[in-house]
Structure formats: C-alpha cells, structure tokens
Amino acid sequence: MRGWLLPLGLLALSTGACSRRERPPQHQTSTSGLWYTHTSLDPQDTSVLGLSIRDLDSTWARGMVLSPSVLPARAAEDSVTRPSQNFGYGFAGDFNKDGRPDSAVVGVYRSRTGSKGRFVLLVTRSARGWEKAFSAGMTGPTDVTFLARGAGDTLVWNDCVECDAPAVRIYWSGTRYVAKWKDQ
C-alpha cells in the first residue's frame, strides 16, 4: 500500500502546482487612502501653518497637516510611507518662480457641518509670514494623502501609493496655480 502513496502524492503536488492560477494584479479604483493603511484621522487644529483653517475654506472648522508623527504606527513601519526627496507630506520650493519661498503641504479637515476630507495647501512667504497661494479639498475619508514631485515644479497630490487611483497635478500656469486630474 505504501508503494503507490508516494507517486500519488507527487502527482497531486505537480498537478496542483501546474493548475495554480496566477492572481491578476489588484488595482484600487477608489480614493480611499493607502492600499494597506485605512484609518480615520481626527483633525483638531484651528490653524494650519499659522493660517486660520477658515481662511483656507470658509466651510471648514478643523484641520491637521500630515506628517509621519500623526500617522498610525503601521504606516510608519513600511518604507512606502516614509518621506523622501520626491515623496512626502510637504515640500519647500519656489513653485511659481517669483523668488519667494513657497511651501506645499497635505492634510485632513472637518467641516462645520461634520463632513470630512483631505486637502492640499500651497503657501508663499511674505513680509507678514505665510500667505495662502492655493488650496483644494476633496470630501471623503480622512486618511493618508501625500505629495510627489512631478516634472519641473509640478506637484502630484494623491492618496494611494501603489494603485491606479486618480491623482491631481498641481502647477503654476504663469498667472495662478492650476489643479488638474492627471488624466486631463
């Protein structure tokens, strides 16, 4: 009886290995945060970079700039979420080439009516301090969102590191900042 068990076992193993299907790549089609980190950050600040949250959007009540220190511990464990030269939660530069320092950050907000979402903010330095140059918000989950450096001084705002979620390209048009979905 033992003599035929070994060949039968080898046959079963080889058949299983040959019939195993390769899993198709999985792509996230919605904008719900990093593909592996789902969290709900709770914005509590009434100002961002010294600017009143209501100056960013009159409907917002609270906000919070993202950084590794405010993310869940499991996000900090993966190198994908660690800021680098071309990826992060904020960048300094002169994005509109006017000779004054600019800063771009991402964060989360809560509106006065309770809705939540993510935002991107660009500020420029003046004699009075930081001034809002551009902001945009997206209603939805208050989880991880980030910036990446694109070609030239283009910024790419997204909320998924390794998926096909839509991204917003932000650039200086010569007269103002423009935000366009990457596919546009």
N, C-alpha and C. Protein backbone atom coordinates (compact mmCIF):
# COMPACT_ATOMS: atom_id res chain seq x y z
N MET A 1 0.82 -1.20 0.00
CA MET A 1 0.00 0.00 0.00
C MET A 1 0.85 1.25 0.00
N ARG A 2 1.99 1.22 0.72
CA ARG A 2 2.86 2.39 0.78
C ARG A 2 3.50 2.69 -0.57
N GLY A 3 3.73 1.69 -1.37
CA GLY A 3 4.41 1.86 -2.64
C GLY A 3 3.71 2.80 -3.59
N TRP A 4 2.43 2.85 -3.59
CA TRP A 4 1.71 3.72 -4.52
C TRP A 4 1.35 5.07 -3.91
N LEU A 5 1.50 5.28 -2.61
CA LEU A 5 1.18 6.57 -1.98
C LEU A 5 2.16 7.66 -2.40
N LEU A 6 3.45 7.35 -2.45
CA LEU A 6 4.45 8.36 -2.82
C LEU A 6 4.22 8.87 -4.24
N PRO A 7 4.08 8.00 -5.25
CA PRO A 7 3.81 8.51 -6.60
C PRO A 7 2.49 9.29 -6.68
N LEU A 8 1.48 8.85 -5.94
CA LEU A 8 0.20 9.56 -5.94
C LEU A 8 0.36 10.95 -5.32
N GLY A 9 1.11 11.06 -4.24
CA GLY A 9 1.36 12.35 -3.60
C GLY A 9 2.12 13.28 -4.53
N LEU A 10 3.15 12.76 -5.21
CA LEU A 10 3.91 13.59 -6.15
C LEU A 10 3.04 14.05 -7.31
N LEU A 11 2.17 13.17 -7.78
CA LEU A 11 1.26 13.53 -8.86
C LEU A 11 0.31 14.65 -8.41
N ALA A 12 -0.22 14.53 -7.22
CA ALA A 12 -1.13 15.55 -6.70
C ALA A 12 -0.41 16.89 -6.55
N LEU A 13 0.81 16.87 -6.04
CA LEU A 13 1.58 18.12 -5.89
C LEU A 13 1.86 18.77 -7.24
N SER A 14 2.30 17.98 -8.21
CA SER A 14 2.63 18.56 -9.50
C SER A 14 1.38 19.06 -10.22
N THR A 15 0.27 18.33 -10.09
CA THR A 15 -0.99 18.78 -10.70
C THR A 15 -1.45 20.08 -10.07
N GLY A 16 -1.36 20.17 -8.75
CA GLY A 16 -1.76 21.39 -8.05
C GLY A 16 -0.89 22.56 -8.46
N ALA A 17 0.41 22.33 -8.61
CA ALA A 17 1.32 23.42 -8.97
C ALA A 17 1.05 23.88 -10.39
N CYS A 18 0.75 22.95 -11.29
CA CYS A 18 0.52 23.34 -12.68
C CYS A 18 -0.83 24.02 -12.88
N SER A 19 -1.81 23.66 -12.07
CA SER A 19 -3.13 24.24 -12.28
C SER A 19 -3.34 25.52 -11.46
N ARG A 20 -2.35 25.89 -10.69
CA ARG A 20 -2.47 27.09 -9.87
C ARG A 20 -2.57 28.32 -10.76
N ARG A 21 -3.57 29.13 -10.53
CA ARG A 21 -3.74 30.34 -11.33
C ARG A 21 -2.92 31.47 -10.74
N GLU A 22 -2.35 32.24 -11.63
CA GLU A 22 -1.64 33.42 -11.16
C GLU A 22 -2.68 34.50 -10.90
N ARG A 23 -2.56 35.15 -9.72
CA ARG A 23 -3.52 36.19 -9.37
C ARG A 23 -3.29 37.42 -10.24
N PRO A 24 -4.36 37.97 -10.78
CA PRO A 24 -4.20 39.20 -11.57
C PRO A 24 -3.80 40.35 -10.65
N PRO A 25 -3.10 41.35 -11.18
CA PRO A 25 -2.75 42.49 -10.34
C PRO A 25 -4.01 43.17 -9.81
N GLN A 26 -3.95 43.59 -8.56
CA GLN A 26 -5.10 44.25 -7.96
C GLN A 26 -4.87 45.75 -7.99
N HIS A 27 -5.82 46.46 -8.51
CA HIS A 27 -5.74 47.91 -8.60
C HIS A 27 -6.88 48.52 -7.81
N GLN A 28 -6.56 49.50 -7.04
CA GLN A 28 -7.60 50.22 -6.29
C GLN A 28 -8.26 51.19 -7.24
N THR A 29 -9.57 51.19 -7.27
CA THR A 29 -10.27 52.08 -8.19
C THR A 29 -10.93 53.24 -7.47
N SER A 30 -10.91 53.25 -6.15
CA SER A 30 -11.50 54.37 -5.42
C SER A 30 -10.40 55.09 -4.65
N THR A 31 -10.68 56.30 -4.23
CA THR A 31 -9.71 57.08 -3.49
C THR A 31 -9.97 56.94 -2.01
N SER A 32 -9.47 55.86 -1.42
CA SER A 32 -9.73 55.62 0.00
C SER A 32 -8.45 55.47 0.80
N GLY A 33 -7.37 56.05 0.36
CA GLY A 33 -6.15 56.03 1.16
C GLY A 33 -5.17 55.00 0.68
N LEU A 34 -4.06 54.90 1.39
CA LEU A 34 -3.05 53.92 1.05
C LEU A 34 -3.69 52.54 0.97
N TRP A 35 -3.24 51.74 0.07
CA TRP A 35 -3.89 50.46 -0.18
C TRP A 35 -3.84 49.54 1.02
N TYR A 36 -2.96 49.78 1.95
CA TYR A 36 -2.86 48.90 3.11
C TYR A 36 -3.12 49.62 4.42
N THR A 37 -3.26 50.91 4.43
CA THR A 37 -3.49 51.66 5.66
C THR A 37 -4.83 52.37 5.57
N HIS A 38 -5.78 51.88 6.29
CA HIS A 38 -7.09 52.53 6.35
C HIS A 38 -7.27 53.04 7.76
N THR A 39 -7.40 54.32 7.89
CA THR A 39 -7.51 54.94 9.20
C THR A 39 -8.44 56.13 9.08
N SER A 40 -8.81 56.69 10.17
CA SER A 40 -9.61 57.91 10.17
C SER A 40 -8.93 58.90 11.11
N LEU A 41 -8.19 59.81 10.53
CA LEU A 41 -7.51 60.82 11.32
C LEU A 41 -8.53 61.85 11.79
N ASP A 42 -8.33 62.38 12.97
CA ASP A 42 -9.28 63.31 13.57
C ASP A 42 -8.68 64.71 13.64
N PRO A 43 -8.95 65.57 12.66
CA PRO A 43 -8.38 66.92 12.68
C PRO A 43 -8.89 67.74 13.85
N GLN A 44 -7.98 68.38 14.59
CA GLN A 44 -8.35 69.15 15.78
C GLN A 44 -7.87 70.60 15.74
N ASP A 45 -6.96 70.93 14.81
CA ASP A 45 -6.34 72.25 14.80
C ASP A 45 -7.25 73.29 14.15
N THR A 46 -7.20 74.51 14.67
CA THR A 46 -7.97 75.61 14.08
C THR A 46 -7.11 76.47 13.17
N SER A 47 -5.81 76.13 13.07
CA SER A 47 -4.93 76.84 12.14
C SER A 47 -3.95 75.85 11.52
N VAL A 48 -3.49 76.19 10.35
CA VAL A 48 -2.52 75.39 9.61
C VAL A 48 -1.43 76.34 9.12
N LEU A 49 -0.20 76.07 9.49
CA LEU A 49 0.94 76.92 9.12
C LEU A 49 0.70 78.38 9.52
N GLY A 50 0.01 78.58 10.63
CA GLY A 50 -0.27 79.93 11.11
C GLY A 50 -1.46 80.60 10.47
N LEU A 51 -2.12 79.91 9.55
CA LEU A 51 -3.31 80.44 8.88
C LEU A 51 -4.55 79.81 9.48
N SER A 52 -5.58 80.62 9.71
CA SER A 52 -6.84 80.10 10.22
C SER A 52 -7.39 79.08 9.24
N ILE A 53 -7.90 77.99 9.76
CA ILE A 53 -8.46 76.95 8.89
C ILE A 53 -9.60 77.51 8.04
N ARG A 54 -10.32 78.49 8.56
CA ARG A 54 -11.42 79.10 7.79
C ARG A 54 -10.90 79.98 6.66
N ASP A 55 -9.64 80.44 6.75
CA ASP A 55 -9.05 81.18 5.64
C ASP A 55 -8.73 80.25 4.48
N LEU A 56 -8.55 78.98 4.77
CA LEU A 56 -8.31 78.01 3.71
C LEU A 56 -9.61 77.67 3.00
N ASP A 57 -10.67 77.51 3.79
CA ASP A 57 -12.00 77.26 3.25
C ASP A 57 -13.00 77.69 4.32
N SER A 58 -13.90 78.56 3.97
CA SER A 58 -14.82 79.13 4.96
C SER A 58 -15.78 78.10 5.56
N THR A 59 -15.90 76.92 4.94
CA THR A 59 -16.79 75.89 5.47
C THR A 59 -16.08 74.94 6.44
N TRP A 60 -14.76 75.04 6.55
CA TRP A 60 -14.01 74.12 7.39
C TRP A 60 -13.95 74.63 8.83
N ALA A 61 -13.93 73.70 9.78
CA ALA A 61 -13.84 74.04 11.21
C ALA A 61 -12.50 73.62 11.81
N ARG A 62 -11.96 72.48 11.39
CA ARG A 62 -10.72 71.94 11.95
C ARG A 62 -9.86 71.37 10.84
N GLY A 63 -8.57 71.31 11.08
CA GLY A 63 -7.66 70.75 10.10
C GLY A 63 -6.45 70.16 10.78
N MET A 64 -5.65 69.47 10.01
CA MET A 64 -4.42 68.88 10.51
C MET A 64 -3.49 68.61 9.34
N VAL A 65 -2.26 69.09 9.44
CA VAL A 65 -1.24 68.81 8.44
C VAL A 65 -0.70 67.41 8.72
N LEU A 66 -0.52 66.63 7.66
CA LEU A 66 0.01 65.28 7.83
C LEU A 66 1.52 65.28 7.96
N SER A 67 1.99 64.35 8.74
CA SER A 67 3.43 64.10 8.91
C SER A 67 3.55 62.68 9.45
N PRO A 68 4.73 62.11 9.40
CA PRO A 68 4.88 60.74 9.93
C PRO A 68 4.44 60.63 11.40
N SER A 69 4.57 61.70 12.17
CA SER A 69 4.23 61.62 13.59
C SER A 69 2.73 61.52 13.86
N VAL A 70 1.88 61.90 12.92
CA VAL A 70 0.43 61.82 13.15
C VAL A 70 -0.18 60.58 12.52
N LEU A 71 0.61 59.82 11.77
CA LEU A 71 0.09 58.62 11.11
C LEU A 71 0.09 57.44 12.07
N PRO A 72 -0.75 56.45 11.82
CA PRO A 72 -0.75 55.26 12.65
C PRO A 72 0.61 54.56 12.59
N ALA A 73 0.96 53.86 13.62
CA ALA A 73 2.25 53.17 13.70
C ALA A 73 2.46 52.22 12.53
N ARG A 74 1.40 51.54 12.07
CA ARG A 74 1.56 50.58 10.97
C ARG A 74 1.96 51.27 9.67
N ALA A 75 1.62 52.55 9.51
CA ALA A 75 2.04 53.27 8.31
C ALA A 75 3.53 53.58 8.37
N ALA A 76 4.03 53.89 9.55
CA ALA A 76 5.45 54.21 9.70
C ALA A 76 6.34 52.99 9.54
N GLU A 77 5.78 51.80 9.67
CA GLU A 77 6.55 50.56 9.56
C GLU A 77 6.95 50.26 8.12
N ASP A 78 6.27 50.82 7.16
CA ASP A 78 6.52 50.49 5.76
C ASP A 78 7.28 51.63 5.09
N SER A 79 8.32 51.30 4.36
CA SER A 79 9.13 52.31 3.70
C SER A 79 8.36 53.11 2.67
N VAL A 80 7.25 52.58 2.17
CA VAL A 80 6.45 53.27 1.16
C VAL A 80 5.92 54.60 1.69
N THR A 81 5.64 54.70 2.97
CA THR A 81 5.06 55.92 3.52
C THR A 81 6.09 56.89 4.08
N ARG A 82 7.36 56.53 4.05
CA ARG A 82 8.39 57.42 4.58
C ARG A 82 8.72 58.51 3.57
N PRO A 83 8.75 59.75 4.02
CA PRO A 83 9.09 60.85 3.11
C PRO A 83 10.48 60.67 2.49
N SER A 84 10.62 61.14 1.28
CA SER A 84 11.90 61.11 0.57
C SER A 84 12.02 62.41 -0.22
N GLN A 85 13.01 62.49 -1.05
CA GLN A 85 13.23 63.70 -1.83
C GLN A 85 12.05 64.00 -2.77
N ASN A 86 11.41 62.96 -3.28
CA ASN A 86 10.33 63.14 -4.26
C ASN A 86 8.96 62.71 -3.78
N PHE A 87 8.83 62.37 -2.51
CA PHE A 87 7.56 61.91 -1.95
C PHE A 87 7.47 62.40 -0.52
N GLY A 88 6.31 62.92 -0.14
CA GLY A 88 6.18 63.33 1.25
C GLY A 88 4.85 64.00 1.54
N TYR A 89 4.79 64.57 2.73
CA TYR A 89 3.59 65.24 3.20
C TYR A 89 3.74 66.75 3.10
N GLY A 90 4.89 67.21 2.66
CA GLY A 90 5.14 68.62 2.46
C GLY A 90 6.47 68.84 1.75
N PHE A 91 6.52 69.89 0.94
CA PHE A 91 7.75 70.25 0.23
C PHE A 91 7.96 71.76 0.30
N ALA A 92 9.21 72.15 0.32
CA ALA A 92 9.57 73.57 0.20
C ALA A 92 10.11 73.79 -1.20
N GLY A 93 9.98 75.00 -1.70
CA GLY A 93 10.49 75.33 -3.02
C GLY A 93 10.07 76.72 -3.41
N ASP A 94 10.24 77.02 -4.68
CA ASP A 94 9.73 78.26 -5.26
C ASP A 94 8.92 77.83 -6.47
N PHE A 95 7.75 77.31 -6.21
CA PHE A 95 6.94 76.65 -7.23
C PHE A 95 6.44 77.58 -8.32
N ASN A 96 6.33 78.88 -8.03
CA ASN A 96 5.86 79.82 -9.04
C ASN A 96 6.98 80.72 -9.56
N LYS A 97 8.21 80.46 -9.15
CA LYS A 97 9.41 81.17 -9.64
C LYS A 97 9.33 82.68 -9.45
N ASP A 98 8.80 83.12 -8.29
CA ASP A 98 8.74 84.56 -8.02
C ASP A 98 9.86 85.02 -7.08
N GLY A 99 10.76 84.12 -6.73
CA GLY A 99 11.88 84.47 -5.87
C GLY A 99 11.56 84.40 -4.38
N ARG A 100 10.32 84.08 -4.03
CA ARG A 100 9.95 83.96 -2.61
C ARG A 100 9.72 82.48 -2.28
N PRO A 101 10.09 82.09 -1.06
CA PRO A 101 9.90 80.69 -0.66
C PRO A 101 8.43 80.30 -0.64
N ASP A 102 8.16 79.10 -1.09
CA ASP A 102 6.82 78.53 -1.06
C ASP A 102 6.88 77.22 -0.27
N SER A 103 5.75 76.80 0.21
CA SER A 103 5.64 75.52 0.89
C SER A 103 4.33 74.87 0.47
N ALA A 104 4.38 73.57 0.28
CA ALA A 104 3.18 72.80 -0.08
C ALA A 104 3.02 71.70 0.96
N VAL A 105 1.81 71.56 1.51
CA VAL A 105 1.53 70.53 2.50
C VAL A 105 0.20 69.87 2.19
N VAL A 106 0.00 68.68 2.74
CA VAL A 106 -1.28 67.99 2.65
C VAL A 106 -1.80 67.73 4.05
N GLY A 107 -3.11 67.57 4.15
CA GLY A 107 -3.70 67.31 5.45
C GLY A 107 -5.13 66.84 5.33
N VAL A 108 -5.80 66.85 6.46
CA VAL A 108 -7.20 66.45 6.53
C VAL A 108 -7.99 67.56 7.22
N TYR A 109 -9.29 67.62 6.93
CA TYR A 109 -10.14 68.66 7.53
C TYR A 109 -11.47 68.06 7.96
N ARG A 110 -12.16 68.80 8.79
CA ARG A 110 -13.54 68.52 9.16
C ARG A 110 -14.30 69.83 8.98
N SER A 111 -15.44 69.77 8.31
CA SER A 111 -16.21 70.99 8.05
C SER A 111 -17.07 71.33 9.26
N ARG A 112 -17.66 72.50 9.23
CA ARG A 112 -18.56 72.93 10.31
C ARG A 112 -19.80 72.05 10.39
N THR A 113 -20.18 71.41 9.28
CA THR A 113 -21.35 70.53 9.28
C THR A 113 -20.99 69.08 9.59
N GLY A 114 -19.70 68.79 9.77
CA GLY A 114 -19.28 67.44 10.14
C GLY A 114 -18.70 66.61 9.03
N SER A 115 -18.80 67.06 7.78
CA SER A 115 -18.19 66.28 6.70
C SER A 115 -16.68 66.37 6.82
N LYS A 116 -16.00 65.38 6.28
CA LYS A 116 -14.54 65.32 6.38
C LYS A 116 -13.92 65.13 5.01
N GLY A 117 -12.62 65.36 4.95
CA GLY A 117 -11.92 65.15 3.70
C GLY A 117 -10.45 65.46 3.81
N ARG A 118 -9.80 65.51 2.66
CA ARG A 118 -8.36 65.77 2.57
C ARG A 118 -8.14 67.10 1.86
N PHE A 119 -6.97 67.70 2.11
CA PHE A 119 -6.67 68.96 1.43
C PHE A 119 -5.21 69.03 1.04
N VAL A 120 -4.94 69.92 0.09
CA VAL A 120 -3.59 70.31 -0.27
C VAL A 120 -3.54 71.83 -0.14
N LEU A 121 -2.43 72.34 0.36
CA LEU A 121 -2.27 73.77 0.59
C LEU A 121 -0.90 74.22 0.11
N LEU A 122 -0.87 75.28 -0.67
CA LEU A 122 0.38 75.93 -1.06
C LEU A 122 0.37 77.32 -0.46
N VAL A 123 1.46 77.66 0.21
CA VAL A 123 1.61 78.99 0.82
C VAL A 123 2.89 79.61 0.29
N THR A 124 2.92 80.95 0.34
CA THR A 124 4.11 81.68 -0.08
C THR A 124 4.50 82.64 1.04
N ARG A 125 5.79 82.89 1.16
CA ARG A 125 6.31 83.75 2.23
C ARG A 125 6.18 85.21 1.82
N SER A 126 5.66 86.01 2.76
CA SER A 126 5.57 87.46 2.56
C SER A 126 6.17 88.12 3.80
N ALA A 127 6.18 89.44 3.83
CA ALA A 127 6.69 90.17 5.00
C ALA A 127 5.85 89.87 6.24
N ARG A 128 4.58 89.52 6.05
CA ARG A 128 3.69 89.20 7.18
C ARG A 128 3.75 87.74 7.61
N GLY A 129 4.47 86.90 6.90
CA GLY A 129 4.53 85.47 7.19
C GLY A 129 3.98 84.68 6.01
N TRP A 130 3.51 83.47 6.28
CA TRP A 130 2.95 82.65 5.22
C TRP A 130 1.59 83.17 4.78
N GLU A 131 1.36 83.20 3.48
CA GLU A 131 0.07 83.58 2.90
C GLU A 131 -0.41 82.46 2.00
N LYS A 132 -1.70 82.23 2.03
CA LYS A 132 -2.29 81.19 1.17
C LYS A 132 -2.10 81.59 -0.29
N ALA A 133 -1.58 80.65 -1.07
CA ALA A 133 -1.46 80.85 -2.51
C ALA A 133 -2.46 79.96 -3.26
N PHE A 134 -2.76 78.79 -2.68
CA PHE A 134 -3.67 77.85 -3.32
C PHE A 134 -4.09 76.81 -2.30
N SER A 135 -5.35 76.41 -2.36
CA SER A 135 -5.79 75.26 -1.57
C SER A 135 -6.90 74.55 -2.32
N ALA A 136 -7.00 73.26 -2.08
CA ALA A 136 -8.07 72.46 -2.67
C ALA A 136 -8.42 71.36 -1.67
N GLY A 137 -9.69 71.04 -1.60
CA GLY A 137 -10.14 69.99 -0.72
C GLY A 137 -10.92 68.94 -1.48
N MET A 138 -10.94 67.74 -0.93
CA MET A 138 -11.66 66.62 -1.52
C MET A 138 -12.44 65.94 -0.40
N THR A 139 -13.75 65.98 -0.43
CA THR A 139 -14.56 65.33 0.58
C THR A 139 -14.35 63.82 0.50
N GLY A 140 -14.23 63.20 1.66
CA GLY A 140 -14.04 61.75 1.70
C GLY A 140 -13.37 61.34 3.00
N PRO A 141 -12.75 60.18 2.99
CA PRO A 141 -12.11 59.69 4.20
C PRO A 141 -10.97 60.61 4.65
N THR A 142 -10.74 60.65 5.94
CA THR A 142 -9.64 61.45 6.48
C THR A 142 -8.48 60.52 6.79
N ASP A 143 -7.95 59.91 5.73
CA ASP A 143 -6.81 59.03 5.90
C ASP A 143 -5.61 59.61 5.17
N VAL A 144 -4.67 58.79 4.83
CA VAL A 144 -3.40 59.25 4.31
C VAL A 144 -3.52 59.83 2.92
N THR A 145 -2.86 60.94 2.70
CA THR A 145 -2.74 61.60 1.41
C THR A 145 -1.31 62.12 1.33
N PHE A 146 -0.77 62.32 0.14
CA PHE A 146 0.62 62.72 0.04
C PHE A 146 0.87 63.54 -1.21
N LEU A 147 2.06 64.11 -1.27
CA LEU A 147 2.54 64.85 -2.44
C LEU A 147 3.73 64.12 -3.03
N ALA A 148 3.85 64.22 -4.33
CA ALA A 148 5.03 63.72 -5.03
C ALA A 148 5.50 64.82 -5.97
N ARG A 149 6.78 64.86 -6.21
CA ARG A 149 7.32 65.84 -7.17
C ARG A 149 7.16 65.27 -8.57
N GLY A 150 6.57 66.09 -9.44
CA GLY A 150 6.44 65.71 -10.83
C GLY A 150 7.53 66.41 -11.64
N ALA A 151 7.37 66.43 -12.94
CA ALA A 151 8.33 67.09 -13.81
C ALA A 151 8.35 68.59 -13.54
N GLY A 152 9.53 69.18 -13.57
CA GLY A 152 9.67 70.61 -13.30
C GLY A 152 9.25 70.92 -11.88
N ASP A 153 8.43 71.91 -11.70
CA ASP A 153 7.91 72.25 -10.38
C ASP A 153 6.48 71.78 -10.18
N THR A 154 6.09 70.77 -10.93
CA THR A 154 4.75 70.19 -10.79
C THR A 154 4.69 69.34 -9.53
N LEU A 155 3.59 69.44 -8.82
CA LEU A 155 3.33 68.58 -7.67
C LEU A 155 2.21 67.63 -8.03
N VAL A 156 2.25 66.43 -7.51
CA VAL A 156 1.21 65.44 -7.73
C VAL A 156 0.62 65.11 -6.37
N TRP A 157 -0.68 65.32 -6.22
CA TRP A 157 -1.39 65.06 -4.97
C TRP A 157 -2.18 63.77 -5.14
N ASN A 158 -1.97 62.83 -4.24
CA ASN A 158 -2.64 61.54 -4.37
C ASN A 158 -2.87 60.96 -2.98
N ASP A 159 -3.62 59.90 -2.91
CA ASP A 159 -3.85 59.24 -1.63
C ASP A 159 -3.65 57.74 -1.72
N CYS A 160 -2.93 57.30 -2.72
CA CYS A 160 -2.65 55.88 -2.86
C CYS A 160 -1.25 55.73 -3.42
N VAL A 161 -0.42 55.02 -2.71
CA VAL A 161 0.98 54.89 -3.11
C VAL A 161 1.16 53.88 -4.23
N GLU A 162 0.48 52.75 -4.15
CA GLU A 162 0.71 51.67 -5.11
C GLU A 162 -0.58 51.21 -5.76
N CYS A 163 -1.28 52.12 -6.40
CA CYS A 163 -2.50 51.73 -7.09
C CYS A 163 -2.76 52.69 -8.24
N ASP A 164 -3.85 52.48 -8.91
CA ASP A 164 -4.20 53.29 -10.06
C ASP A 164 -5.22 54.38 -9.73
N ALA A 165 -5.26 54.82 -8.49
CA ALA A 165 -6.20 55.87 -8.10
C ALA A 165 -5.86 57.16 -8.84
N PRO A 166 -6.85 57.96 -9.14
CA PRO A 166 -6.58 59.22 -9.84
C PRO A 166 -5.72 60.14 -8.99
N ALA A 167 -4.90 60.92 -9.63
CA ALA A 167 -4.04 61.87 -8.95
C ALA A 167 -4.34 63.27 -9.48
N VAL A 168 -4.03 64.28 -8.69
CA VAL A 168 -4.22 65.66 -9.09
C VAL A 168 -2.85 66.27 -9.33
N ARG A 169 -2.68 66.82 -10.50
CA ARG A 169 -1.44 67.50 -10.86
C ARG A 169 -1.64 68.98 -10.56
N ILE A 170 -0.69 69.59 -9.80
CA ILE A 170 -0.77 71.00 -9.43
C ILE A 170 0.46 71.70 -9.99
N TYR A 171 0.22 72.80 -10.71
CA TYR A 171 1.35 73.52 -11.31
C TYR A 171 1.01 75.00 -11.45
N TRP A 172 2.04 75.80 -11.64
CA TRP A 172 1.91 77.24 -11.86
C TRP A 172 1.73 77.47 -13.35
N SER A 173 0.65 78.16 -13.73
CA SER A 173 0.35 78.39 -15.14
C SER A 173 1.03 79.62 -15.71
N GLY A 174 1.66 80.39 -14.85
CA GLY A 174 2.24 81.67 -15.25
C GLY A 174 1.51 82.82 -14.59
N THR A 175 0.23 82.56 -14.21
CA THR A 175 -0.57 83.59 -13.53
C THR A 175 -1.23 83.06 -12.26
N ARG A 176 -1.41 81.71 -12.16
CA ARG A 176 -2.07 81.13 -10.99
C ARG A 176 -1.76 79.64 -10.92
N TYR A 177 -2.04 79.06 -9.74
CA TYR A 177 -1.89 77.61 -9.61
C TYR A 177 -3.11 76.94 -10.23
N VAL A 178 -2.86 75.83 -10.89
CA VAL A 178 -3.90 75.06 -11.55
C VAL A 178 -3.84 73.63 -11.02
N ALA A 179 -4.99 73.06 -10.75
CA ALA A 179 -5.08 71.66 -10.33
C ALA A 179 -5.88 70.89 -11.36
N LYS A 180 -5.31 69.83 -11.89
CA LYS A 180 -5.99 69.03 -12.89
C LYS A 180 -5.81 67.57 -12.53
N TRP A 181 -6.88 66.80 -12.75
CA TRP A 181 -6.74 65.38 -12.60
C TRP A 181 -5.69 64.92 -13.59
N LYS A 182 -4.86 64.00 -13.19
CA LYS A 182 -3.72 63.57 -14.01
C LYS A 182 -4.13 63.12 -15.40
N ASP A 183 -5.34 62.58 -15.55
CA ASP A 183 -5.80 62.10 -16.85
C ASP A 183 -6.25 63.22 -17.78
N GLN A 184 -6.43 64.44 -17.25
CA GLN A 184 -6.94 65.55 -18.07
C GLN A 184 -5.86 66.17 -18.92
